[in-house]
């Protein structure tokens, strides 16, 4: 065998061992959210639309660990609002941390940092959506933000959508799942 082949094989084996070692140190924890964790409210815009507050229970298993991913998984029925005779086929879906405990009315001053910019979701039924909420969960874990949960839906008034969270499409009858990926420090 040539030296070049042995060197390439050695580097490839070390790379694969690194991946296997990292994967074996990683863990995943899923929290099934029920209807009492994902609650519908009347949105600011569009009129008659619904937004949702989402509780973010942080399992003991991730505290003190290195979090490298936190995701909210849910299914939505998505429709759009007609404006000037036009219907947007991919309305915006917003996700924000709540700055304070939800008081029963949706007020923009309660919106904390967005998880990301507005995300387009294609109109249709039973759309599976996985949202990266890692930054928000990290702030809850390190104490730089109080955990009042999330507010999700058509919140900005731009490219309005009508979103309905579906139940019965996830395991354990969950309305949504929180998925945490972490490892020991």
C-alpha atoms as a PDB file:
ATOM      1  CA  UNK A   1       0.000   0.000   0.000  1.00  0.00           C
ATOM      2  CA  UNK A   2       1.097   3.493  -0.728  1.00  0.00           C
ATOM      3  CA  UNK A   3       1.900   5.993   1.954  1.00  0.00           C
ATOM      4  CA  UNK A   4      -0.721   8.377   0.546  1.00  0.00           C
ATOM      5  CA  UNK A   5      -3.423   5.702   0.875  1.00  0.00           C
ATOM      6  CA  UNK A   6      -2.409   4.905   4.476  1.00  0.00           C
ATOM      7  CA  UNK A   7      -2.407   8.579   5.403  1.00  0.00           C
ATOM      8  CA  UNK A   8      -5.839   9.103   3.813  1.00  0.00           C
ATOM      9  CA  UNK A   9      -7.242   5.992   5.506  1.00  0.00           C
ATOM     10  CA  UNK A  10      -5.832   7.088   8.887  1.00  0.00           C
ATOM     11  CA  UNK A  11      -7.321  10.579   8.589  1.00  0.00           C
ATOM     12  CA  UNK A  12     -10.701   9.138   7.518  1.00  0.00           C
ATOM     13  CA  UNK A  13     -10.719   6.678  10.432  1.00  0.00           C
ATOM     14  CA  UNK A  14      -9.842   9.430  12.927  1.00  0.00           C
ATOM     15  CA  UNK A  15     -12.605  11.613  11.513  1.00  0.00           C
ATOM     16  CA  UNK A  16     -15.178   8.807  11.811  1.00  0.00           C
ATOM     17  CA  UNK A  17     -14.062   7.963  15.344  1.00  0.00           C
ATOM     18  CA  UNK A  18     -14.451  11.646  16.244  1.00  0.00           C
ATOM     19  CA  UNK A  19     -18.005  11.642  14.903  1.00  0.00           C
ATOM     20  CA  UNK A  20     -18.876   8.422  16.734  1.00  0.00           C
ATOM     21  CA  UNK A  21     -17.322   9.696  19.981  1.00  0.00           C
ATOM     22  CA  UNK A  22     -19.180  13.006  19.735  1.00  0.00           C
ATOM     23  CA  UNK A  23     -22.467  11.273  18.933  1.00  0.00           C
ATOM     24  CA  UNK A  24     -22.057   8.901  21.844  1.00  0.00           C
ATOM     25  CA  UNK A  25     -21.608  11.844  24.224  1.00  0.00           C
ATOM     26  CA  UNK A  26     -24.673  13.636  22.861  1.00  0.00           C
ATOM     27  CA  UNK A  27     -28.149  13.154  24.241  1.00  0.00           C
ATOM     28  CA  UNK A  28     -31.631  14.076  23.149  1.00  0.00           C
ATOM     29  CA  UNK A  29     -34.591  14.794  25.384  1.00  0.00           C
ATOM     30  CA  UNK A  30     -38.106  15.341  24.025  1.00  0.00           C
ATOM     31  CA  UNK A  31     -40.889  16.948  26.030  1.00  0.00           C
ATOM     32  CA  UNK A  32     -44.417  16.345  24.735  1.00  0.00           C
ATOM     33  CA  UNK A  33     -46.542  19.479  25.102  1.00  0.00           C
ATOM     34  CA  UNK A  34     -50.282  19.148  25.699  1.00  0.00           C
ATOM     35  CA  UNK A  35     -53.191  21.480  24.984  1.00  0.00           C
ATOM     36  CA  UNK A  36     -52.623  23.131  28.377  1.00  0.00           C
ATOM     37  CA  UNK A  37     -49.055  24.033  27.251  1.00  0.00           C
ATOM     38  CA  UNK A  38     -50.064  25.425  23.826  1.00  0.00           C
ATOM     39  CA  UNK A  39     -52.952  27.860  24.319  1.00  0.00           C
ATOM     40  CA  UNK A  40     -54.848  29.788  21.616  1.00  0.00           C
ATOM     41  CA  UNK A  41     -55.484  33.557  21.866  1.00  0.00           C
ATOM     42  CA  UNK A  42     -56.870  36.230  19.549  1.00  0.00           C
ATOM     43  CA  UNK A  43     -53.973  37.706  17.571  1.00  0.00           C
ATOM     44  CA  UNK A  44     -53.236  41.386  16.888  1.00  0.00           C
ATOM     45  CA  UNK A  45     -53.365  40.878  13.125  1.00  0.00           C
ATOM     46  CA  UNK A  46     -55.012  39.763  11.003  1.00  0.00           C
ATOM     47  CA  UNK A  47     -58.385  40.357  12.606  1.00  0.00           C
ATOM     48  CA  UNK A  48     -59.861  37.108  13.884  1.00  0.00           C
ATOM     49  CA  UNK A  49     -56.611  35.177  13.553  1.00  0.00           C
ATOM     50  CA  UNK A  50     -55.206  33.085  16.352  1.00  0.00           C
ATOM     51  CA  UNK A  51     -51.807  33.148  18.005  1.00  0.00           C
ATOM     52  CA  UNK A  52     -50.603  30.776  20.694  1.00  0.00           C
ATOM     53  CA  UNK A  53     -48.630  30.932  23.902  1.00  0.00           C
ATOM     54  CA  UNK A  54     -46.306  27.980  24.390  1.00  0.00           C
ATOM     55  CA  UNK A  55     -44.930  26.898  27.763  1.00  0.00           C
ATOM     56  CA  UNK A  56     -41.252  25.915  27.738  1.00  0.00           C
ATOM     57  CA  UNK A  57     -40.714  23.445  30.595  1.00  0.00           C
ATOM     58  CA  UNK A  58     -36.976  22.913  30.982  1.00  0.00           C
ATOM     59  CA  UNK A  59     -36.207  19.321  31.983  1.00  0.00           C
ATOM     60  CA  UNK A  60     -33.687  18.754  34.769  1.00  0.00           C
ATOM     61  CA  UNK A  61     -31.673  16.555  32.395  1.00  0.00           C
ATOM     62  CA  UNK A  62     -30.459  19.587  30.385  1.00  0.00           C
ATOM     63  CA  UNK A  63     -29.557  21.903  33.261  1.00  0.00           C
ATOM     64  CA  UNK A  64     -25.801  22.351  33.574  1.00  0.00           C
ATOM     65  CA  UNK A  65     -25.221  20.675  30.208  1.00  0.00           C
ATOM     66  CA  UNK A  66     -23.950  22.082  26.927  1.00  0.00           C
ATOM     67  CA  UNK A  67     -27.050  22.782  24.856  1.00  0.00           C
ATOM     68  CA  UNK A  68     -26.426  22.636  21.145  1.00  0.00           C
ATOM     69  CA  UNK A  69     -29.986  22.674  19.889  1.00  0.00           C
ATOM     70  CA  UNK A  70     -33.531  23.343  21.079  1.00  0.00           C
ATOM     71  CA  UNK A  71     -36.461  22.953  18.703  1.00  0.00           C
ATOM     72  CA  UNK A  72     -40.214  23.333  18.756  1.00  0.00           C
ATOM     73  CA  UNK A  73     -41.951  20.788  16.514  1.00  0.00           C
ATOM     74  CA  UNK A  74     -45.626  21.155  15.625  1.00  0.00           C
ATOM     75  CA  UNK A  75     -48.145  20.707  12.833  1.00  0.00           C
ATOM     76  CA  UNK A  76     -50.097  23.639  11.407  1.00  0.00           C
ATOM     77  CA  UNK A  77     -52.961  24.281   9.061  1.00  0.00           C
ATOM     78  CA  UNK A  78     -51.927  27.398   7.160  1.00  0.00           C
ATOM     79  CA  UNK A  79     -54.071  29.854   5.244  1.00  0.00           C
ATOM     80  CA  UNK A  80     -53.472  33.413   4.073  1.00  0.00           C
ATOM     81  CA  UNK A  81     -55.333  36.687   4.225  1.00  0.00           C
ATOM     82  CA  UNK A  82     -56.317  38.340   0.962  1.00  0.00           C
ATOM     83  CA  UNK A  83     -54.938  41.864   0.534  1.00  0.00           C
ATOM     84  CA  UNK A  84     -55.799  44.027  -2.462  1.00  0.00           C
ATOM     85  CA  UNK A  85     -56.998  40.972  -4.344  1.00  0.00           C
ATOM     86  CA  UNK A  86     -53.758  39.055  -3.725  1.00  0.00           C
ATOM     87  CA  UNK A  87     -53.247  35.989  -1.564  1.00  0.00           C
ATOM     88  CA  UNK A  88     -49.791  35.220  -0.252  1.00  0.00           C
ATOM     89  CA  UNK A  89     -49.028  31.514  -0.660  1.00  0.00           C
ATOM     90  CA  UNK A  90     -46.331  31.610   2.047  1.00  0.00           C
ATOM     91  CA  UNK A  91     -47.460  33.738   4.999  1.00  0.00           C
ATOM     92  CA  UNK A  92     -45.083  34.698   7.798  1.00  0.00           C
ATOM     93  CA  UNK A  93     -44.997  32.705  11.025  1.00  0.00           C
ATOM     94  CA  UNK A  94     -43.418  34.511  13.975  1.00  0.00           C
ATOM     95  CA  UNK A  95     -41.873  33.122  17.164  1.00  0.00           C
ATOM     96  CA  UNK A  96     -40.987  35.405  20.076  1.00  0.00           C
ATOM     97  CA  UNK A  97     -40.014  34.898  23.679  1.00  0.00           C
ATOM     98  CA  UNK A  98     -42.516  36.432  26.089  1.00  0.00           C
ATOM     99  CA  UNK A  99     -41.030  39.242  28.199  1.00  0.00           C
ATOM    100  CA  UNK A 100     -43.559  38.797  30.989  1.00  0.00           C
ATOM    101  CA  UNK A 101     -46.223  36.356  32.079  1.00  0.00           C
ATOM    102  CA  UNK A 102     -49.070  36.327  29.570  1.00  0.00           C
ATOM    103  CA  UNK A 103     -51.937  38.451  30.913  1.00  0.00           C
ATOM    104  CA  UNK A 104     -54.698  37.300  28.568  1.00  0.00           C
ATOM    105  CA  UNK A 105     -54.311  39.837  25.777  1.00  0.00           C
ATOM    106  CA  UNK A 106     -51.758  39.924  23.014  1.00  0.00           C
ATOM    107  CA  UNK A 107     -49.704  43.102  23.235  1.00  0.00           C
ATOM    108  CA  UNK A 108     -46.613  43.764  21.184  1.00  0.00           C
ATOM    109  CA  UNK A 109     -44.775  45.136  24.234  1.00  0.00           C
ATOM    110  CA  UNK A 110     -44.781  41.565  25.614  1.00  0.00           C
ATOM    111  CA  UNK A 111     -42.766  40.262  22.648  1.00  0.00           C
ATOM    112  CA  UNK A 112     -39.174  39.596  23.519  1.00  0.00           C
ATOM    113  CA  UNK A 113     -36.429  38.623  21.166  1.00  0.00           C
ATOM    114  CA  UNK A 114     -37.578  36.720  18.092  1.00  0.00           C
ATOM    115  CA  UNK A 115     -36.232  33.194  17.703  1.00  0.00           C
ATOM    116  CA  UNK A 116     -35.402  34.198  14.110  1.00  0.00           C
ATOM    117  CA  UNK A 117     -36.845  36.497  11.476  1.00  0.00           C
ATOM    118  CA  UNK A 118     -40.353  35.696  10.280  1.00  0.00           C
ATOM    119  CA  UNK A 119     -40.479  32.252   8.710  1.00  0.00           C
ATOM    120  CA  UNK A 120     -42.498  31.518   5.613  1.00  0.00           C
ATOM    121  CA  UNK A 121     -44.821  28.526   5.795  1.00  0.00           C
ATOM    122  CA  UNK A 122     -46.556  27.256   2.662  1.00  0.00           C
ATOM    123  CA  UNK A 123     -50.355  27.308   2.732  1.00  0.00           C
ATOM    124  CA  UNK A 124     -51.967  23.929   3.286  1.00  0.00           C
ATOM    125  CA  UNK A 125     -53.040  21.413   5.886  1.00  0.00           C
ATOM    126  CA  UNK A 126     -50.918  19.440   8.351  1.00  0.00           C
ATOM    127  CA  UNK A 127     -47.688  21.323   7.671  1.00  0.00           C
ATOM    128  CA  UNK A 128     -44.899  19.973   9.883  1.00  0.00           C
ATOM    129  CA  UNK A 129     -42.836  22.861  11.186  1.00  0.00           C
ATOM    130  CA  UNK A 130     -39.643  22.587  13.242  1.00  0.00           C
ATOM    131  CA  UNK A 131     -38.500  25.882  14.726  1.00  0.00           C
ATOM    132  CA  UNK A 132     -35.036  26.567  16.130  1.00  0.00           C
ATOM    133  CA  UNK A 133     -35.489  28.162  19.557  1.00  0.00           C
ATOM    134  CA  UNK A 134     -31.954  27.482  20.814  1.00  0.00           C
ATOM    135  CA  UNK A 135     -31.065  31.121  21.585  1.00  0.00           C
ATOM    136  CA  UNK A 136     -34.222  31.649  23.624  1.00  0.00           C
ATOM    137  CA  UNK A 137     -33.751  28.415  25.606  1.00  0.00           C
ATOM    138  CA  UNK A 138     -30.093  29.259  26.263  1.00  0.00           C
ATOM    139  CA  UNK A 139     -31.198  32.628  27.701  1.00  0.00           C
ATOM    140  CA  UNK A 140     -33.689  30.815  29.951  1.00  0.00           C
ATOM    141  CA  UNK A 141     -31.006  28.365  31.103  1.00  0.00           C
ATOM    142  CA  UNK A 142     -28.306  30.955  31.823  1.00  0.00           C
ATOM    143  CA  UNK A 143     -30.774  33.282  33.566  1.00  0.00           C
ATOM    144  CA  UNK A 144     -30.332  36.226  31.185  1.00  0.00           C
ATOM    145  CA  UNK A 145     -34.089  36.024  30.430  1.00  0.00           C
ATOM    146  CA  UNK A 146     -37.008  34.862  32.537  1.00  0.00           C
ATOM    147  CA  UNK A 147     -38.848  31.847  31.138  1.00  0.00           C
ATOM    148  CA  UNK A 148     -42.346  33.069  30.329  1.00  0.00           C
ATOM    149  CA  UNK A 149     -42.584  30.815  27.275  1.00  0.00           C
ATOM    150  CA  UNK A 150     -43.159  31.757  23.661  1.00  0.00           C
ATOM    151  CA  UNK A 151     -45.795  33.468  21.584  1.00  0.00           C
ATOM    152  CA  UNK A 152     -46.220  32.104  18.054  1.00  0.00           C
ATOM    153  CA  UNK A 153     -48.386  32.851  15.028  1.00  0.00           C
ATOM    154  CA  UNK A 154     -48.934  35.755  12.639  1.00  0.00           C
ATOM    155  CA  UNK A 155     -47.712  38.526  14.925  1.00  0.00           C
ATOM    156  CA  UNK A 156     -46.042  41.177  12.770  1.00  0.00           C
ATOM    157  CA  UNK A 157     -48.922  42.064  10.444  1.00  0.00           C
ATOM    158  CA  UNK A 158     -46.640  41.505   7.441  1.00  0.00           C
ATOM    159  CA  UNK A 159     -47.704  38.845   4.970  1.00  0.00           C
ATOM    160  CA  UNK A 160     -50.522  37.797   7.290  1.00  0.00           C
ATOM    161  CA  UNK A 161     -51.334  34.180   7.776  1.00  0.00           C
ATOM    162  CA  UNK A 162     -53.938  32.250   9.658  1.00  0.00           C
ATOM    163  CA  UNK A 163     -52.279  29.410  11.551  1.00  0.00           C
ATOM    164  CA  UNK A 164     -54.070  26.642  13.409  1.00  0.00           C
ATOM    165  CA  UNK A 165     -52.005  24.328  15.603  1.00  0.00           C
ATOM    166  CA  UNK A 166     -53.060  20.718  15.021  1.00  0.00           C
ATOM    167  CA  UNK A 167     -53.231  18.016  17.631  1.00  0.00           C
ATOM    168  CA  UNK A 168     -53.119  14.250  17.280  1.00  0.00           C
ATOM    169  CA  UNK A 169     -50.322  14.164  14.699  1.00  0.00           C
ATOM    170  CA  UNK A 170     -47.401  13.683  17.110  1.00  0.00           C
ATOM    171  CA  UNK A 171     -46.558  10.748  19.374  1.00  0.00           C
ATOM    172  CA  UNK A 172     -48.170  10.537  22.814  1.00  0.00           C
ATOM    173  CA  UNK A 173     -51.043  12.757  21.667  1.00  0.00           C
ATOM    174  CA  UNK A 174     -48.789  15.809  21.921  1.00  0.00           C
ATOM    175  CA  UNK A 175     -49.828  19.146  20.457  1.00  0.00           C
ATOM    176  CA  UNK A 176     -46.144  20.055  20.059  1.00  0.00           C
ATOM    177  CA  UNK A 177     -42.749  18.678  21.005  1.00  0.00           C
ATOM    178  CA  UNK A 178     -39.788  20.426  22.561  1.00  0.00           C
ATOM    179  CA  UNK A 179     -36.618  18.681  21.448  1.00  0.00           C
ATOM    180  CA  UNK A 180     -33.367  19.369  23.287  1.00  0.00           C
ATOM    181  CA  UNK A 181     -29.938  18.208  22.056  1.00  0.00           C
ATOM    182  CA  UNK A 182     -27.199  18.450  24.681  1.00  0.00           C
ATOM    183  CA  UNK A 183     -24.064  16.869  26.097  1.00  0.00           C
ATOM    184  CA  UNK A 184     -21.976  17.017  29.264  1.00  0.00           C
ATOM    185  CA  UNK A 185     -19.605  19.951  29.504  1.00  0.00           C
END
